[in-house]
Amino acid sequence: MDIDMLMQILASTLRLGTPLLLACLAGLYSERAGIFDIGLEGKMLMAAMASGAVAWATGSAWAGLGAGILAALVLAVVHGLASITFRGNQLISGVALNFIAAGATVLIAQTLFKQGGRTPALDGGARFGAIHLPFADVLHGVPLIGPFYRDVLSGQSMLVYIALWCVPVTWWVLHRTRFGLRLRAVGENPESVDTAGISVVRLRFAAVAITGILCGLAGTYMATSLQAGFGRDMTAGRGYIALAALIFAKWRPWHALWATMLFGFLQALALRPDVISGVAHVSIPVPVLDALPYILTVIVLAGFVGKAIPPRAGGEPYVKER
């Protein structure tokens, strides 16, 4: 494998890993606050449909971004009401949202555009274009670093850079701010937080809202950057893969980056079966390569990568003692 092919695969890894990273960070905020959210998939799907439709109608990717975040926030509020206000089962609520989103997105898109549940193809200002970083061509001659900077980091969508920026921001918020300390405490011992006079409900709703915003970014990225519009079930299980990556990362932001990029790398390899056959001199069927991220998901959830201990109060509705 030459350096150019390696850089192409790494660039694809970054593009394919970005929605996983955003969804993984979304789940991290929610679960750190004690709210399990299986509905990441549904929020991403609804955001993708809303952003694709609005971006096509207005010709503005920014308008699509706002619509995508708003759509995901609506589902996030519904999940918060079900699991926090009414103390319902969080897993059932998340799964229900996924089913609702899977059906509603196709129905709305078909009603609006009559294209089999898809939105029209996006182009021009309706998509987030590539951003070329400064000095990319100048540094290209530097071994390894130059090609990586020019061919992998440079030329990506703005939402890719936002996703990467969210990793250190999430670490700082959770570990260096009062809000983050309280958020993590709510996920571990909500009774102590309540005793200190801090609203458990308010903190959990804040976490659910952040989850909605990040899922909105993930869905918008898929419709306006990774692809040119919304298509039926276009998330293809990425919400579930993001949850597996979150467990793999043991609910830590920097580990979430590497975990999601690993899944993205497997997806990138599935698009380039010639690479494996050229390196290992073994011909692997394309369906097997496509299944690799899902196989790794099963391995992670089965606990073969080490024991992961979730927040102690995760999944448990909090009932204020009188």
C-alpha atoms as a PDB file:
ATOM      1  CA  MET A   1       0.000   0.000   0.000  1.00  0.00           C
ATOM      2  CA  ASP A   2       1.531   3.324  -1.044  1.00  0.00           C
ATOM      3  CA  ILE A   3       1.258   6.559   0.913  1.00  0.00           C
ATOM      4  CA  ASP A   4      -1.373   8.062  -1.402  1.00  0.00           C
ATOM      5  CA  MET A   5      -3.718   5.096  -0.958  1.00  0.00           C
ATOM      6  CA  LEU A   6      -3.211   5.196   2.813  1.00  0.00           C
ATOM      7  CA  MET A   7      -4.104   8.886   2.904  1.00  0.00           C
ATOM      8  CA  GLN A   8      -7.235   8.230   0.832  1.00  0.00           C
ATOM      9  CA  ILE A   9      -8.376   5.566   3.290  1.00  0.00           C
ATOM     10  CA  LEU A  10      -7.662   7.812   6.276  1.00  0.00           C
ATOM     11  CA  ALA A  11      -9.598  10.672   4.656  1.00  0.00           C
ATOM     12  CA  SER A  12     -12.544   8.326   4.124  1.00  0.00           C
ATOM     13  CA  THR A  13     -12.167   7.170   7.731  1.00  0.00           C
ATOM     14  CA  LEU A  14     -12.515  10.748   8.950  1.00  0.00           C
ATOM     15  CA  ARG A  15     -15.543  11.423   6.752  1.00  0.00           C
ATOM     16  CA  LEU A  16     -17.316   8.193   7.702  1.00  0.00           C
ATOM     17  CA  GLY A  17     -16.373   8.430  11.372  1.00  0.00           C
ATOM     18  CA  THR A  18     -17.695  11.975  11.820  1.00  0.00           C
ATOM     19  CA  PRO A  19     -21.415  11.120  12.226  1.00  0.00           C
ATOM     20  CA  LEU A  20     -20.441   8.309  14.588  1.00  0.00           C
ATOM     21  CA  LEU A  21     -18.316  10.711  16.627  1.00  0.00           C
ATOM     22  CA  LEU A  22     -21.080  13.296  16.938  1.00  0.00           C
ATOM     23  CA  ALA A  23     -23.658  10.646  17.898  1.00  0.00           C
ATOM     24  CA  CYS A  24     -21.220   9.058  20.352  1.00  0.00           C
ATOM     25  CA  LEU A  25     -20.604  12.388  22.096  1.00  0.00           C
ATOM     26  CA  ALA A  26     -24.372  12.936  22.126  1.00  0.00           C
ATOM     27  CA  GLY A  27     -24.873   9.647  23.926  1.00  0.00           C
ATOM     28  CA  LEU A  28     -22.010  10.481  26.281  1.00  0.00           C
ATOM     29  CA  TYR A  29     -23.735  13.613  27.584  1.00  0.00           C
ATOM     30  CA  SER A  30     -27.038  11.824  27.999  1.00  0.00           C
ATOM     31  CA  GLU A  31     -25.690   8.733  29.717  1.00  0.00           C
ATOM     32  CA  ARG A  32     -23.333  10.694  31.948  1.00  0.00           C
ATOM     33  CA  ALA A  33     -26.483  12.353  33.275  1.00  0.00           C
ATOM     34  CA  GLY A  34     -28.134   8.983  33.865  1.00  0.00           C
ATOM     35  CA  ILE A  35     -30.392   8.905  30.779  1.00  0.00           C
ATOM     36  CA  PHE A  36     -29.890   5.960  28.431  1.00  0.00           C
ATOM     37  CA  ASP A  37     -30.731   7.003  24.897  1.00  0.00           C
ATOM     38  CA  ILE A  38     -31.247   4.248  22.353  1.00  0.00           C
ATOM     39  CA  GLY A  39     -32.963   6.872  20.197  1.00  0.00           C
ATOM     40  CA  LEU A  40     -29.766   8.363  18.746  1.00  0.00           C
ATOM     41  CA  GLU A  41     -30.579   6.636  15.472  1.00  0.00           C
ATOM     42  CA  GLY A  42     -34.028   8.208  15.253  1.00  0.00           C
ATOM     43  CA  LYS A  43     -32.756  11.698  16.051  1.00  0.00           C
ATOM     44  CA  MET A  44     -30.071  11.446  13.373  1.00  0.00           C
ATOM     45  CA  LEU A  45     -32.593  10.183  10.842  1.00  0.00           C
ATOM     46  CA  MET A  46     -35.121  12.925  11.562  1.00  0.00           C
ATOM     47  CA  ALA A  47     -32.380  15.559  11.418  1.00  0.00           C
ATOM     48  CA  ALA A  48     -31.143  14.210   8.088  1.00  0.00           C
ATOM     49  CA  MET A  49     -34.614  14.386   6.570  1.00  0.00           C
ATOM     50  CA  ALA A  50     -35.352  17.871   7.913  1.00  0.00           C
ATOM     51  CA  SER A  51     -31.988  19.292   6.892  1.00  0.00           C
ATOM     52  CA  GLY A  52     -32.152  17.751   3.416  1.00  0.00           C
ATOM     53  CA  ALA A  53     -35.650  19.056   2.795  1.00  0.00           C
ATOM     54  CA  VAL A  54     -35.008  22.578   4.090  1.00  0.00           C
ATOM     55  CA  ALA A  55     -31.603  22.849   2.402  1.00  0.00           C
ATOM     56  CA  TRP A  56     -33.187  21.925  -0.931  1.00  0.00           C
ATOM     57  CA  ALA A  57     -36.111  24.310  -0.449  1.00  0.00           C
ATOM     58  CA  THR A  58     -33.973  27.275   0.588  1.00  0.00           C
ATOM     59  CA  GLY A  59     -30.737  26.500  -1.220  1.00  0.00           C
ATOM     60  CA  SER A  60     -28.901  27.087   2.059  1.00  0.00           C
ATOM     61  CA  ALA A  61     -26.981  24.433   3.960  1.00  0.00           C
ATOM     62  CA  TRP A  62     -27.114  26.688   7.028  1.00  0.00           C
ATOM     63  CA  ALA A  63     -30.907  26.696   6.956  1.00  0.00           C
ATOM     64  CA  GLY A  64     -30.752  22.914   6.663  1.00  0.00           C
ATOM     65  CA  LEU A  65     -28.457  22.790   9.683  1.00  0.00           C
ATOM     66  CA  GLY A  66     -30.917  24.806  11.754  1.00  0.00           C
ATOM     67  CA  ALA A  67     -33.804  22.582  10.676  1.00  0.00           C
ATOM     68  CA  GLY A  68     -31.824  19.422  11.435  1.00  0.00           C
ATOM     69  CA  ILE A  69     -30.931  20.566  14.940  1.00  0.00           C
ATOM     70  CA  LEU A  70     -34.529  21.655  15.601  1.00  0.00           C
ATOM     71  CA  ALA A  71     -35.937  18.300  14.430  1.00  0.00           C
ATOM     72  CA  ALA A  72     -33.528  16.356  16.630  1.00  0.00           C
ATOM     73  CA  LEU A  73     -34.299  18.627  19.582  1.00  0.00           C
ATOM     74  CA  VAL A  74     -38.015  17.902  19.227  1.00  0.00           C
ATOM     75  CA  LEU A  75     -37.374  14.164  19.573  1.00  0.00           C
ATOM     76  CA  ALA A  76     -34.930  14.836  22.415  1.00  0.00           C
ATOM     77  CA  VAL A  77     -37.628  16.757  24.312  1.00  0.00           C
ATOM     78  CA  VAL A  78     -40.106  13.920  23.740  1.00  0.00           C
ATOM     79  CA  HIS A  79     -37.577  11.440  25.121  1.00  0.00           C
ATOM     80  CA  GLY A  80     -36.901  13.732  28.071  1.00  0.00           C
ATOM     81  CA  LEU A  81     -40.598  14.057  28.882  1.00  0.00           C
ATOM     82  CA  ALA A  82     -41.093  10.296  28.677  1.00  0.00           C
ATOM     83  CA  SER A  83     -38.045   9.317  30.719  1.00  0.00           C
ATOM     84  CA  ILE A  84     -37.547  12.250  33.096  1.00  0.00           C
ATOM     85  CA  THR A  85     -40.930  13.885  33.653  1.00  0.00           C
ATOM     86  CA  PHE A  86     -43.110  10.776  33.420  1.00  0.00           C
ATOM     87  CA  ARG A  87     -40.367   8.377  34.596  1.00  0.00           C
ATOM     88  CA  GLY A  88     -41.019   5.918  31.788  1.00  0.00           C
ATOM     89  CA  ASN A  89     -38.697   3.164  30.657  1.00  0.00           C
ATOM     90  CA  GLN A  90     -35.806   4.902  28.899  1.00  0.00           C
ATOM     91  CA  LEU A  91     -34.950   2.017  26.597  1.00  0.00           C
ATOM     92  CA  ILE A  92     -38.518   1.582  25.377  1.00  0.00           C
ATOM     93  CA  SER A  93     -38.818   5.326  24.811  1.00  0.00           C
ATOM     94  CA  GLY A  94     -35.656   5.364  22.690  1.00  0.00           C
ATOM     95  CA  VAL A  95     -36.681   2.375  20.620  1.00  0.00           C
ATOM     96  CA  ALA A  96     -40.133   3.881  20.049  1.00  0.00           C
ATOM     97  CA  LEU A  97     -38.545   7.096  18.778  1.00  0.00           C
ATOM     98  CA  ASN A  98     -36.433   5.095  16.344  1.00  0.00           C
ATOM     99  CA  PHE A  99     -39.518   3.405  14.902  1.00  0.00           C
ATOM    100  CA  ILE A 100     -41.385   6.705  14.693  1.00  0.00           C
ATOM    101  CA  ALA A 101     -38.492   8.397  12.915  1.00  0.00           C
ATOM    102  CA  ALA A 102     -38.001   5.514  10.479  1.00  0.00           C
ATOM    103  CA  GLY A 103     -41.619   5.746   9.356  1.00  0.00           C
ATOM    104  CA  ALA A 104     -42.215   9.479   9.650  1.00  0.00           C
ATOM    105  CA  THR A 105     -39.151  10.522   7.649  1.00  0.00           C
ATOM    106  CA  VAL A 106     -40.114   8.392   4.657  1.00  0.00           C
ATOM    107  CA  LEU A 107     -43.750   9.476   4.877  1.00  0.00           C
ATOM    108  CA  ILE A 108     -42.900  13.183   5.045  1.00  0.00           C
ATOM    109  CA  ALA A 109     -40.313  12.997   2.268  1.00  0.00           C
ATOM    110  CA  GLN A 110     -42.665  11.040   0.017  1.00  0.00           C
ATOM    111  CA  THR A 111     -45.520  13.466   0.691  1.00  0.00           C
ATOM    112  CA  LEU A 112     -43.376  16.504  -0.060  1.00  0.00           C
ATOM    113  CA  PHE A 113     -41.246  15.314  -2.976  1.00  0.00           C
ATOM    114  CA  LYS A 114     -42.856  12.150  -4.426  1.00  0.00           C
ATOM    115  CA  GLN A 115     -39.450  10.526  -4.964  1.00  0.00           C
ATOM    116  CA  GLY A 116     -39.811   7.251  -3.089  1.00  0.00           C
ATOM    117  CA  GLY A 117     -39.117   8.703   0.335  1.00  0.00           C
ATOM    118  CA  ARG A 118     -36.075  10.687  -0.760  1.00  0.00           C
ATOM    119  CA  THR A 119     -35.385  14.393  -1.037  1.00  0.00           C
ATOM    120  CA  PRO A 120     -34.132  15.849  -4.329  1.00  0.00           C
ATOM    121  CA  ALA A 121     -30.368  15.862  -4.802  1.00  0.00           C
ATOM    122  CA  LEU A 122     -28.589  18.803  -3.194  1.00  0.00           C
ATOM    123  CA  ASP A 123     -25.942  20.897  -4.897  1.00  0.00           C
ATOM    124  CA  GLY A 124     -24.259  24.266  -4.650  1.00  0.00           C
ATOM    125  CA  GLY A 125     -25.029  26.251  -1.518  1.00  0.00           C
ATOM    126  CA  ALA A 126     -27.401  23.561  -0.258  1.00  0.00           C
ATOM    127  CA  ARG A 127     -24.372  21.483   0.709  1.00  0.00           C
ATOM    128  CA  PHE A 128     -21.453  22.204   3.012  1.00  0.00           C
ATOM    129  CA  GLY A 129     -18.430  22.317   0.737  1.00  0.00           C
ATOM    130  CA  ALA A 130     -14.845  21.330   1.410  1.00  0.00           C
ATOM    131  CA  ILE A 131     -12.642  23.726   3.373  1.00  0.00           C
ATOM    132  CA  HIS A 132      -8.971  23.836   2.431  1.00  0.00           C
ATOM    133  CA  LEU A 133      -6.760  24.520   5.409  1.00  0.00           C
ATOM    134  CA  PRO A 134      -3.934  27.079   5.178  1.00  0.00           C
ATOM    135  CA  PHE A 135      -0.426  25.970   4.134  1.00  0.00           C
ATOM    136  CA  ALA A 136      -1.706  22.562   3.003  1.00  0.00           C
ATOM    137  CA  ASP A 137       0.257  22.674  -0.252  1.00  0.00           C
ATOM    138  CA  VAL A 138       3.328  24.209   1.374  1.00  0.00           C
ATOM    139  CA  LEU A 139       3.599  21.468   3.993  1.00  0.00           C
ATOM    140  CA  HIS A 140       2.958  18.631   1.563  1.00  0.00           C
ATOM    141  CA  GLY A 141       6.682  17.958   1.206  1.00  0.00           C
ATOM    142  CA  VAL A 142       7.101  17.161   4.907  1.00  0.00           C
ATOM    143  CA  PRO A 143       7.214  13.348   5.280  1.00  0.00           C
ATOM    144  CA  LEU A 144       3.997  11.818   6.641  1.00  0.00           C
ATOM    145  CA  ILE A 145       2.822  15.005   8.388  1.00  0.00           C
ATOM    146  CA  GLY A 146       2.526  16.965   5.143  1.00  0.00           C
ATOM    147  CA  PRO A 147       0.447  14.395   3.212  1.00  0.00           C
ATOM    148  CA  PHE A 148      -1.706  13.758   6.299  1.00  0.00           C
ATOM    149  CA  TYR A 149      -2.399  17.465   6.733  1.00  0.00           C
ATOM    150  CA  ARG A 150      -3.124  18.113   3.058  1.00  0.00           C
ATOM    151  CA  ASP A 151      -4.936  14.936   2.024  1.00  0.00           C
ATOM    152  CA  VAL A 152      -6.687  13.904   5.256  1.00  0.00           C
ATOM    153  CA  LEU A 153      -7.319  16.941   7.451  1.00  0.00           C
ATOM    154  CA  SER A 154      -7.636  19.542   4.722  1.00  0.00           C
ATOM    155  CA  GLY A 155     -10.514  19.464   2.262  1.00  0.00           C
ATOM    156  CA  GLN A 156     -13.145  18.268   4.736  1.00  0.00           C
ATOM    157  CA  SER A 157     -16.560  19.722   5.456  1.00  0.00           C
ATOM    158  CA  MET A 158     -16.955  22.356   8.153  1.00  0.00           C
ATOM    159  CA  LEU A 159     -19.052  19.884  10.164  1.00  0.00           C
ATOM    160  CA  VAL A 160     -16.071  17.523  10.307  1.00  0.00           C
ATOM    161  CA  TYR A 161     -13.996  20.212  12.003  1.00  0.00           C
ATOM    162  CA  ILE A 162     -16.883  21.004  14.355  1.00  0.00           C
ATOM    163  CA  ALA A 163     -17.047  17.326  15.332  1.00  0.00           C
ATOM    164  CA  LEU A 164     -13.304  17.214  16.047  1.00  0.00           C
ATOM    165  CA  TRP A 165     -13.552  20.442  18.012  1.00  0.00           C
ATOM    166  CA  CYS A 166     -16.383  18.962  20.102  1.00  0.00           C
ATOM    167  CA  VAL A 167     -14.032  16.344  21.563  1.00  0.00           C
ATOM    168  CA  PRO A 168     -11.777  18.667  23.618  1.00  0.00           C
ATOM    169  CA  VAL A 169     -14.770  20.902  24.384  1.00  0.00           C
ATOM    170  CA  THR A 170     -16.677  17.912  25.778  1.00  0.00           C
ATOM    171  CA  TRP A 171     -13.681  16.859  27.871  1.00  0.00           C
ATOM    172  CA  TRP A 172     -13.320  20.398  29.222  1.00  0.00           C
ATOM    173  CA  VAL A 173     -17.034  20.776  29.961  1.00  0.00           C
ATOM    174  CA  LEU A 174     -17.308  17.449  31.777  1.00  0.00           C
ATOM    175  CA  HIS A 175     -14.062  17.645  33.736  1.00  0.00           C
ATOM    176  CA  ARG A 176     -13.263  21.331  34.187  1.00  0.00           C
ATOM    177  CA  THR A 177     -16.603  23.091  34.695  1.00  0.00           C
ATOM    178  CA  ARG A 178     -19.146  23.188  37.497  1.00  0.00           C
ATOM    179  CA  PHE A 179     -21.868  22.161  35.065  1.00  0.00           C
ATOM    180  CA  GLY A 180     -19.897  19.081  33.995  1.00  0.00           C
ATOM    181  CA  LEU A 181     -19.179  18.081  37.582  1.00  0.00           C
ATOM    182  CA  ARG A 182     -22.861  18.309  38.441  1.00  0.00           C
ATOM    183  CA  LEU A 183     -23.818  16.454  35.267  1.00  0.00           C
ATOM    184  CA  ARG A 184     -21.545  13.534  36.102  1.00  0.00           C
ATOM    185  CA  ALA A 185     -22.758  13.552  39.699  1.00  0.00           C
ATOM    186  CA  VAL A 186     -26.375  13.283  38.514  1.00  0.00           C
ATOM    187  CA  GLY A 187     -25.448  10.127  36.619  1.00  0.00           C
ATOM    188  CA  GLU A 188     -23.745   8.604  39.629  1.00  0.00           C
ATOM    189  CA  ASN A 189     -25.711   9.782  42.661  1.00  0.00           C
ATOM    190  CA  PRO A 190     -28.708  12.030  41.921  1.00  0.00           C
ATOM    191  CA  GLU A 191     -29.804  11.967  45.574  1.00  0.00           C
ATOM    192  CA  SER A 192     -26.632  13.802  46.626  1.00  0.00           C
ATOM    193  CA  VAL A 193     -27.132  16.395  43.895  1.00  0.00           C
ATOM    194  CA  ASP A 194     -30.718  16.947  44.990  1.00  0.00           C
ATOM    195  CA  THR A 195     -29.636  17.246  48.622  1.00  0.00           C
ATOM    196  CA  ALA A 196     -27.230  20.022  47.593  1.00  0.00           C
ATOM    197  CA  GLY A 197     -30.214  21.997  46.266  1.00  0.00           C
ATOM    198  CA  ILE A 198     -29.469  21.412  42.572  1.00  0.00           C
ATOM    199  CA  SER A 199     -32.298  20.406  40.251  1.00  0.00           C
ATOM    200  CA  VAL A 200     -31.778  16.882  38.939  1.00  0.00           C
ATOM    201  CA  VAL A 201     -34.566  17.334  36.396  1.00  0.00           C
ATOM    202  CA  ARG A 202     -33.055  20.523  35.001  1.00  0.00           C
ATOM    203  CA  LEU A 203     -29.603  18.980  34.613  1.00  0.00           C
ATOM    204  CA  ARG A 204     -30.960  15.891  32.901  1.00  0.00           C
ATOM    205  CA  PHE A 205     -33.035  17.956  30.501  1.00  0.00           C
ATOM    206  CA  ALA A 206     -29.929  20.018  29.723  1.00  0.00           C
ATOM    207  CA  ALA A 207     -28.039  16.820  28.900  1.00  0.00           C
ATOM    208  CA  VAL A 208     -30.890  15.575  26.721  1.00  0.00           C
ATOM    209  CA  ALA A 209     -30.943  18.926  24.879  1.00  0.00           C
ATOM    210  CA  ILE A 210     -27.191  18.730  24.184  1.00  0.00           C
ATOM    211  CA  THR A 211     -27.770  15.214  22.908  1.00  0.00           C
ATOM    212  CA  GLY A 212     -30.391  16.538  20.506  1.00  0.00           C
ATOM    213  CA  ILE A 213     -28.082  19.270  19.206  1.00  0.00           C
ATOM    214  CA  LEU A 214     -25.229  16.849  18.528  1.00  0.00           C
ATOM    215  CA  CYS A 215     -27.547  14.331  16.860  1.00  0.00           C
ATOM    216  CA  GLY A 216     -28.863  17.207  14.747  1.00  0.00           C
ATOM    217  CA  LEU A 217     -25.315  17.961  13.623  1.00  0.00           C
ATOM    218  CA  ALA A 218     -24.733  14.284  12.834  1.00  0.00           C
ATOM    219  CA  GLY A 219     -27.893  13.922  10.768  1.00  0.00           C
ATOM    220  CA  THR A 220     -27.302  17.202   8.943  1.00  0.00           C
ATOM    221  CA  TYR A 221     -23.759  16.147   8.105  1.00  0.00           C
ATOM    222  CA  MET A 222     -25.031  12.942   6.529  1.00  0.00           C
ATOM    223  CA  ALA A 223     -27.595  14.722   4.336  1.00  0.00           C
ATOM    224  CA  THR A 224     -25.669  17.866   3.389  1.00  0.00           C
ATOM    225  CA  SER A 225     -22.022  16.758   3.391  1.00  0.00           C
ATOM    226  CA  LEU A 226     -21.490  13.011   3.346  1.00  0.00           C
ATOM    227  CA  GLN A 227     -24.310  12.553   0.838  1.00  0.00           C
ATOM    228  CA  ALA A 228     -26.321  14.909  -1.354  1.00  0.00           C
ATOM    229  CA  GLY A 229     -29.727  14.690   0.271  1.00  0.00           C
ATOM    230  CA  PHE A 230     -31.848  12.429   2.447  1.00  0.00           C
ATOM    231  CA  GLY A 231     -32.576   8.813   1.611  1.00  0.00           C
ATOM    232  CA  ARG A 232     -34.683   6.127   3.262  1.00  0.00           C
ATOM    233  CA  ASP A 233     -32.976   4.741   6.416  1.00  0.00           C
ATOM    234  CA  MET A 234     -29.746   6.477   5.430  1.00  0.00           C
ATOM    235  CA  THR A 235     -28.319   6.286   8.952  1.00  0.00           C
ATOM    236  CA  ALA A 236     -28.084   2.487   8.499  1.00  0.00           C
ATOM    237  CA  GLY A 237     -27.626   1.668  12.178  1.00  0.00           C
ATOM    238  CA  ARG A 238     -25.025   4.348  12.888  1.00  0.00           C
ATOM    239  CA  GLY A 239     -26.848   5.348  16.061  1.00  0.00           C
ATOM    240  CA  TYR A 240     -26.445   1.844  17.441  1.00  0.00           C
ATOM    241  CA  ILE A 241     -22.809   1.699  16.343  1.00  0.00           C
ATOM    242  CA  ALA A 242     -22.236   5.002  18.155  1.00  0.00           C
ATOM    243  CA  LEU A 243     -23.637   3.471  21.347  1.00  0.00           C
ATOM    244  CA  ALA A 244     -21.282   0.519  20.966  1.00  0.00           C
ATOM    245  CA  ALA A 245     -18.388   2.924  20.440  1.00  0.00           C
ATOM    246  CA  LEU A 246     -19.453   4.777  23.597  1.00  0.00           C
ATOM    247  CA  ILE A 247     -19.245   1.553  25.600  1.00  0.00           C
ATOM    248  CA  PHE A 248     -15.933   0.741  23.907  1.00  0.00           C
ATOM    249  CA  ALA A 249     -14.661   4.184  24.944  1.00  0.00           C
ATOM    250  CA  LYS A 250     -15.935   3.700  28.505  1.00  0.00           C
ATOM    251  CA  TRP A 251     -17.801   7.020  28.416  1.00  0.00           C
ATOM    252  CA  ARG A 252     -14.658   9.146  27.882  1.00  0.00           C
ATOM    253  CA  PRO A 253     -14.459  11.837  25.146  1.00  0.00           C
ATOM    254  CA  TRP A 254     -10.950  11.236  23.804  1.00  0.00           C
ATOM    255  CA  HIS A 255     -11.465   7.491  23.783  1.00  0.00           C
ATOM    256  CA  ALA A 256     -14.720   8.106  21.908  1.00  0.00           C
ATOM    257  CA  LEU A 257     -12.734   9.800  19.133  1.00  0.00           C
ATOM    258  CA  TRP A 258     -10.473   6.788  18.597  1.00  0.00           C
ATOM    259  CA  ALA A 259     -13.329   4.292  18.965  1.00  0.00           C
ATOM    260  CA  THR A 260     -15.495   5.994  16.350  1.00  0.00           C
ATOM    261  CA  MET A 261     -12.547   6.387  13.971  1.00  0.00           C
ATOM    262  CA  LEU A 262     -11.942   2.650  14.286  1.00  0.00           C
ATOM    263  CA  PHE A 263     -15.501   1.997  13.159  1.00  0.00           C
ATOM    264  CA  GLY A 264     -15.047   4.586  10.426  1.00  0.00           C
ATOM    265  CA  PHE A 265     -11.869   2.841   9.300  1.00  0.00           C
ATOM    266  CA  LEU A 266     -13.736  -0.449   8.927  1.00  0.00           C
ATOM    267  CA  GLN A 267     -16.405   1.301   6.869  1.00  0.00           C
ATOM    268  CA  ALA A 268     -13.684   2.884   4.719  1.00  0.00           C
ATOM    269  CA  LEU A 269     -12.127  -0.524   4.084  1.00  0.00           C
ATOM    270  CA  ALA A 270     -15.514  -1.828   2.956  1.00  0.00           C
ATOM    271  CA  LEU A 271     -15.443   0.803   0.204  1.00  0.00           C
ATOM    272  CA  ARG A 272     -11.971  -0.296  -0.911  1.00  0.00           C
ATOM    273  CA  PRO A 273     -11.910  -4.110  -1.046  1.00  0.00           C
ATOM    274  CA  ASP A 274      -8.957  -3.886  -3.432  1.00  0.00           C
ATOM    275  CA  VAL A 275      -6.790  -2.628  -0.559  1.00  0.00           C
ATOM    276  CA  ILE A 276      -7.207  -5.763   1.550  1.00  0.00           C
ATOM    277  CA  SER A 277      -6.795  -8.068  -1.427  1.00  0.00           C
ATOM    278  CA  GLY A 278      -3.662  -6.164  -2.448  1.00  0.00           C
ATOM    279  CA  VAL A 279      -2.092  -6.205   1.030  1.00  0.00           C
ATOM    280  CA  ALA A 280      -3.162  -9.610   2.333  1.00  0.00           C
ATOM    281  CA  HIS A 281      -3.480 -11.266  -1.085  1.00  0.00           C
ATOM    282  CA  VAL A 282      -6.864 -12.576   0.026  1.00  0.00           C
ATOM    283  CA  SER A 283     -10.131 -11.818  -1.724  1.00  0.00           C
ATOM    284  CA  ILE A 284     -12.822 -10.969   0.839  1.00  0.00           C
ATOM    285  CA  PRO A 285     -16.429 -10.632  -0.355  1.00  0.00           C
ATOM    286  CA  VAL A 286     -17.756  -7.077  -0.191  1.00  0.00           C
ATOM    287  CA  PRO A 287     -20.798  -8.052   1.991  1.00  0.00           C
ATOM    288  CA  VAL A 288     -18.371  -9.391   4.598  1.00  0.00           C
ATOM    289  CA  LEU A 289     -16.486  -6.096   4.601  1.00  0.00           C
ATOM    290  CA  ASP A 290     -19.772  -4.188   4.899  1.00  0.00           C
ATOM    291  CA  ALA A 291     -20.650  -6.279   7.945  1.00  0.00           C
ATOM    292  CA  LEU A 292     -17.352  -5.616   9.767  1.00  0.00           C
ATOM    293  CA  PRO A 293     -18.554  -2.531  11.730  1.00  0.00           C
ATOM    294  CA  TYR A 294     -21.639  -4.423  12.890  1.00  0.00           C
ATOM    295  CA  ILE A 295     -19.577  -7.477  13.811  1.00  0.00           C
ATOM    296  CA  LEU A 296     -17.335  -5.243  15.911  1.00  0.00           C
ATOM    297  CA  THR A 297     -20.468  -3.772  17.501  1.00  0.00           C
ATOM    298  CA  VAL A 298     -21.552  -7.238  18.637  1.00  0.00           C
ATOM    299  CA  ILE A 299     -18.051  -7.950  19.956  1.00  0.00           C
ATOM    300  CA  VAL A 300     -18.031  -4.703  21.947  1.00  0.00           C
ATOM    301  CA  LEU A 301     -21.513  -5.242  23.379  1.00  0.00           C
ATOM    302  CA  ALA A 302     -20.650  -8.830  24.289  1.00  0.00           C
ATOM    303  CA  GLY A 303     -17.894  -7.516  26.530  1.00  0.00           C
ATOM    304  CA  PHE A 304     -14.926  -9.034  24.733  1.00  0.00           C
ATOM    305  CA  VAL A 305     -12.998  -5.729  24.763  1.00  0.00           C
ATOM    306  CA  GLY A 306     -13.031  -5.386  28.536  1.00  0.00           C
ATOM    307  CA  LYS A 307     -15.584  -4.627  31.187  1.00  0.00           C
ATOM    308  CA  ALA A 308     -17.224  -1.212  30.875  1.00  0.00           C
ATOM    309  CA  ILE A 309     -19.013   0.161  33.911  1.00  0.00           C
ATOM    310  CA  PRO A 310     -21.773   2.656  33.039  1.00  0.00           C
ATOM    311  CA  PRO A 311     -22.864   5.507  35.339  1.00  0.00           C
ATOM    312  CA  ARG A 312     -24.438   3.951  38.418  1.00  0.00           C
ATOM    313  CA  ALA A 313     -27.749   5.810  38.133  1.00  0.00           C
ATOM    314  CA  GLY A 314     -28.050   5.221  34.401  1.00  0.00           C
ATOM    315  CA  GLY A 315     -31.483   4.154  33.242  1.00  0.00           C
ATOM    316  CA  GLU A 316     -33.107   4.784  36.597  1.00  0.00           C
ATOM    317  CA  PRO A 317     -35.752   7.528  36.870  1.00  0.00           C
ATOM    318  CA  TYR A 318     -35.185   9.790  39.837  1.00  0.00           C
ATOM    319  CA  VAL A 319     -37.995  10.162  42.319  1.00  0.00           C
ATOM    320  CA  LYS A 320     -37.555  13.102  44.664  1.00  0.00           C
ATOM    321  CA  GLU A 321     -37.918  12.134  48.296  1.00  0.00           C
ATOM    322  CA  ARG A 322     -40.420  14.158  50.254  1.00  0.00           C
END
